[in-house]
C-alpha atoms as a PDB file:
ATOM      1  CA  MET A   1     -28.820 -36.575 -12.176  1.00  0.00           C
ATOM      2  CA  THR A   2     -29.985 -39.493 -10.102  1.00  0.00           C
ATOM      3  CA  TRP A   3     -32.376 -39.271  -7.163  1.00  0.00           C
ATOM      4  CA  ARG A   4     -29.494 -40.094  -4.856  1.00  0.00           C
ATOM      5  CA  GLU A   5     -27.420 -37.193  -6.212  1.00  0.00           C
ATOM      6  CA  LEU A   6     -30.360 -34.830  -5.803  1.00  0.00           C
ATOM      7  CA  ARG A   7     -30.847 -35.973  -2.213  1.00  0.00           C
ATOM      8  CA  CYS A   8     -27.136 -35.413  -1.525  1.00  0.00           C
ATOM      9  CA  TYR A   9     -27.292 -31.900  -2.983  1.00  0.00           C
ATOM     10  CA  ILE A  10     -30.348 -31.045  -0.904  1.00  0.00           C
ATOM     11  CA  ARG A  11     -28.757 -32.422   2.293  1.00  0.00           C
ATOM     12  CA  GLN A  12     -25.731 -30.180   1.676  1.00  0.00           C
ATOM     13  CA  LEU A  13     -27.838 -27.021   1.541  1.00  0.00           C
ATOM     14  CA  PRO A  14     -27.357 -24.658   4.469  1.00  0.00           C
ATOM     15  CA  PRO A  15     -29.528 -25.226   7.543  1.00  0.00           C
ATOM     16  CA  GLY A  16     -32.745 -23.278   7.366  1.00  0.00           C
ATOM     17  CA  SER A  17     -32.717 -22.988   3.564  1.00  0.00           C
ATOM     18  CA  ARG A  18     -36.178 -22.706   2.066  1.00  0.00           C
ATOM     19  CA  THR A  19     -35.772 -25.907   0.065  1.00  0.00           C
ATOM     20  CA  ARG A  20     -34.910 -28.030   3.104  1.00  0.00           C
ATOM     21  CA  ILE A  21     -37.750 -26.534   5.130  1.00  0.00           C
ATOM     22  CA  ALA A  22     -40.207 -26.960   2.227  1.00  0.00           C
ATOM     23  CA  ILE A  23     -39.503 -30.687   1.958  1.00  0.00           C
ATOM     24  CA  GLY A  24     -40.075 -31.092   5.683  1.00  0.00           C
ATOM     25  CA  ASP A  25     -36.481 -31.536   6.824  1.00  0.00           C
ATOM     26  CA  GLU A  26     -37.026 -30.448  10.429  1.00  0.00           C
ATOM     27  CA  ASP A  27     -33.480 -31.392  11.413  1.00  0.00           C
ATOM     28  CA  SER A  28     -32.129 -28.539   9.314  1.00  0.00           C
ATOM     29  CA  ILE A  29     -33.937 -25.900  11.360  1.00  0.00           C
ATOM     30  CA  TRP A  30     -31.322 -26.125  14.097  1.00  0.00           C
ATOM     31  CA  GLY A  31     -27.654 -25.523  13.547  1.00  0.00           C
ATOM     32  CA  LEU A  32     -24.694 -26.756  15.561  1.00  0.00           C
ATOM     33  CA  GLN A  33     -25.034 -23.954  18.117  1.00  0.00           C
ATOM     34  CA  GLU A  34     -28.649 -24.829  18.880  1.00  0.00           C
ATOM     35  CA  HIS A  35     -27.900 -28.542  19.241  1.00  0.00           C
ATOM     36  CA  LEU A  36     -24.972 -27.853  21.574  1.00  0.00           C
ATOM     37  CA  THR A  37     -27.150 -25.546  23.665  1.00  0.00           C
ATOM     38  CA  ALA A  38     -29.756 -28.314  23.991  1.00  0.00           C
ATOM     39  CA  VAL A  39     -27.024 -30.715  25.142  1.00  0.00           C
ATOM     40  CA  VAL A  40     -25.915 -28.200  27.790  1.00  0.00           C
ATOM     41  CA  ILE A  41     -29.513 -27.818  28.981  1.00  0.00           C
ATOM     42  CA  ASP A  42     -29.875 -31.603  29.230  1.00  0.00           C
ATOM     43  CA  GLU A  43     -26.650 -31.932  31.205  1.00  0.00           C
ATOM     44  CA  LEU A  44     -27.612 -29.126  33.592  1.00  0.00           C
ATOM     45  CA  ARG A  45     -31.029 -30.661  34.197  1.00  0.00           C
ATOM     46  CA  THR A  46     -29.454 -34.058  34.862  1.00  0.00           C
ATOM     47  CA  SER A  47     -26.797 -32.707  37.217  1.00  0.00           C
ATOM     48  CA  ASN A  48     -29.360 -30.670  39.171  1.00  0.00           C
ATOM     49  CA  TRP A  49     -31.593 -33.737  39.400  1.00  0.00           C
ATOM     50  CA  GLN A  50     -28.677 -35.812  40.696  1.00  0.00           C
ATOM     51  CA  ARG A  51     -27.822 -33.242  43.375  1.00  0.00           C
ATOM     52  CA  ALA A  52     -31.455 -32.891  44.408  1.00  0.00           C
ATOM     53  CA  ASN A  53     -31.778 -36.638  44.908  1.00  0.00           C
ATOM     54  CA  ASP A  54     -28.412 -37.180  46.561  1.00  0.00           C
ATOM     55  CA  GLY A  55     -28.836 -39.464  49.547  1.00  0.00           C
ATOM     56  CA  ALA A  56     -32.541 -40.056  48.958  1.00  0.00           C
ATOM     57  CA  LYS A  57     -33.906 -43.550  48.808  1.00  0.00           C
ATOM     58  CA  ARG A  58     -34.768 -44.755  45.333  1.00  0.00           C
ATOM     59  CA  SER A  59     -38.477 -44.800  46.176  1.00  0.00           C
ATOM     60  CA  GLU A  60     -38.304 -41.157  47.314  1.00  0.00           C
ATOM     61  CA  GLN A  61     -36.389 -39.816  44.306  1.00  0.00           C
ATOM     62  CA  THR A  62     -38.052 -37.533  41.809  1.00  0.00           C
ATOM     63  CA  PRO A  63     -38.303 -38.762  38.218  1.00  0.00           C
ATOM     64  CA  ALA A  64     -35.335 -38.120  35.934  1.00  0.00           C
ATOM     65  CA  PRO A  65     -35.638 -35.050  33.711  1.00  0.00           C
ATOM     66  CA  LYS A  66     -36.797 -35.472  30.133  1.00  0.00           C
ATOM     67  CA  PRO A  67     -34.461 -34.373  27.322  1.00  0.00           C
ATOM     68  CA  PHE A  68     -34.903 -30.906  25.874  1.00  0.00           C
ATOM     69  CA  PRO A  69     -37.155 -31.225  22.786  1.00  0.00           C
ATOM     70  CA  ARG A  70     -35.319 -31.078  19.479  1.00  0.00           C
ATOM     71  CA  PRO A  71     -36.652 -30.664  15.954  1.00  0.00           C
ATOM     72  CA  GLY A  72     -37.928 -33.958  14.665  1.00  0.00           C
ATOM     73  CA  SER A  73     -37.819 -35.590  18.106  1.00  0.00           C
ATOM     74  CA  ASP A  74     -41.604 -35.870  18.153  1.00  0.00           C
ATOM     75  CA  ARG A  75     -41.447 -38.296  15.232  1.00  0.00           C
ATOM     76  CA  LYS A  76     -42.484 -41.773  16.198  1.00  0.00           C
ATOM     77  CA  GLN A  77     -39.700 -44.211  15.526  1.00  0.00           C
ATOM     78  CA  ALA A  78     -40.329 -47.906  15.664  1.00  0.00           C
ATOM     79  CA  ALA A  79     -37.948 -49.284  18.248  1.00  0.00           C
ATOM     80  CA  ASP A  80     -38.765 -52.863  17.360  1.00  0.00           C
ATOM     81  CA  LYS A  81     -37.351 -54.153  14.078  1.00  0.00           C
ATOM     82  CA  ASN A  82     -40.244 -56.569  13.809  1.00  0.00           C
ATOM     83  CA  SER A  83     -43.071 -54.143  14.502  1.00  0.00           C
ATOM     84  CA  ALA A  84     -46.040 -54.192  12.146  1.00  0.00           C
ATOM     85  CA  GLU A  85     -45.016 -50.839  10.642  1.00  0.00           C
ATOM     86  CA  ARG A  86     -41.476 -51.970   9.907  1.00  0.00           C
ATOM     87  CA  LYS A  87     -42.658 -55.284   8.440  1.00  0.00           C
ATOM     88  CA  ALA A  88     -45.098 -53.485   6.150  1.00  0.00           C
ATOM     89  CA  ALA A  89     -42.403 -51.036   5.046  1.00  0.00           C
ATOM     90  CA  ARG A  90     -40.016 -53.896   4.260  1.00  0.00           C
ATOM     91  CA  GLU A  91     -42.717 -55.671   2.278  1.00  0.00           C
ATOM     92  CA  ARG A  92     -43.459 -52.520   0.252  1.00  0.00           C
ATOM     93  CA  ALA A  93     -39.755 -52.095  -0.462  1.00  0.00           C
ATOM     94  CA  LYS A  94     -39.503 -55.703  -1.653  1.00  0.00           C
ATOM     95  CA  GLN A  95     -42.510 -55.176  -3.946  1.00  0.00           C
ATOM     96  CA  ARG A  96     -40.989 -51.998  -5.422  1.00  0.00           C
ATOM     97  CA  ALA A  97     -37.700 -53.820  -6.005  1.00  0.00           C
ATOM     98  CA  ALA A  98     -39.494 -56.683  -7.756  1.00  0.00           C
ATOM     99  CA  GLN A  99     -41.463 -54.247  -9.945  1.00  0.00           C
ATOM    100  CA  ARG A 100     -38.286 -52.405 -10.859  1.00  0.00           C
ATOM    101  CA  LYS A 101     -36.530 -55.669 -11.687  1.00  0.00           C
ATOM    102  CA  GLN A 102     -39.432 -56.641 -13.989  1.00  0.00           C
ATOM    103  CA  ALA A 103     -39.372 -53.224 -15.671  1.00  0.00           C
ATOM    104  CA  ILE A 104     -35.640 -53.514 -16.302  1.00  0.00           C
ATOM    105  CA  ALA A 105     -36.074 -57.024 -17.714  1.00  0.00           C
ATOM    106  CA  ALA A 106     -38.871 -55.804 -19.993  1.00  0.00           C
ATOM    107  CA  GLY A 107     -36.679 -52.947 -21.250  1.00  0.00           C
ATOM    108  CA  HIS A 108     -38.811 -50.124 -19.818  1.00  0.00           C
ATOM    109  CA  ILE A 109     -35.923 -48.945 -17.657  1.00  0.00           C
ATOM    110  CA  SER A 110     -32.374 -48.868 -18.921  1.00  0.00           C
END
């Protein structure tokens, strides 16, 4: 079994399974029902905000509501493709690929 196959098997486990939670897969904590409920909450907040600010000048409007927190949403994602974090990650990936290529050429990996 390859690592990719193992990852696919784990991703197909039911939400909330002990294996997925143990490996830190926070997205599996919520099922479809919970995600749909969060979407409804977001839409209700937005529509109430729109009605509350109807006719108000832009400078007098209250700030738009923040989305309902979801599992894994507190993770920091680099928005910029050229951020220092992303560049370092790409460089590490290139180094791993080069090491693997050398190991295959040397016959250590078949």
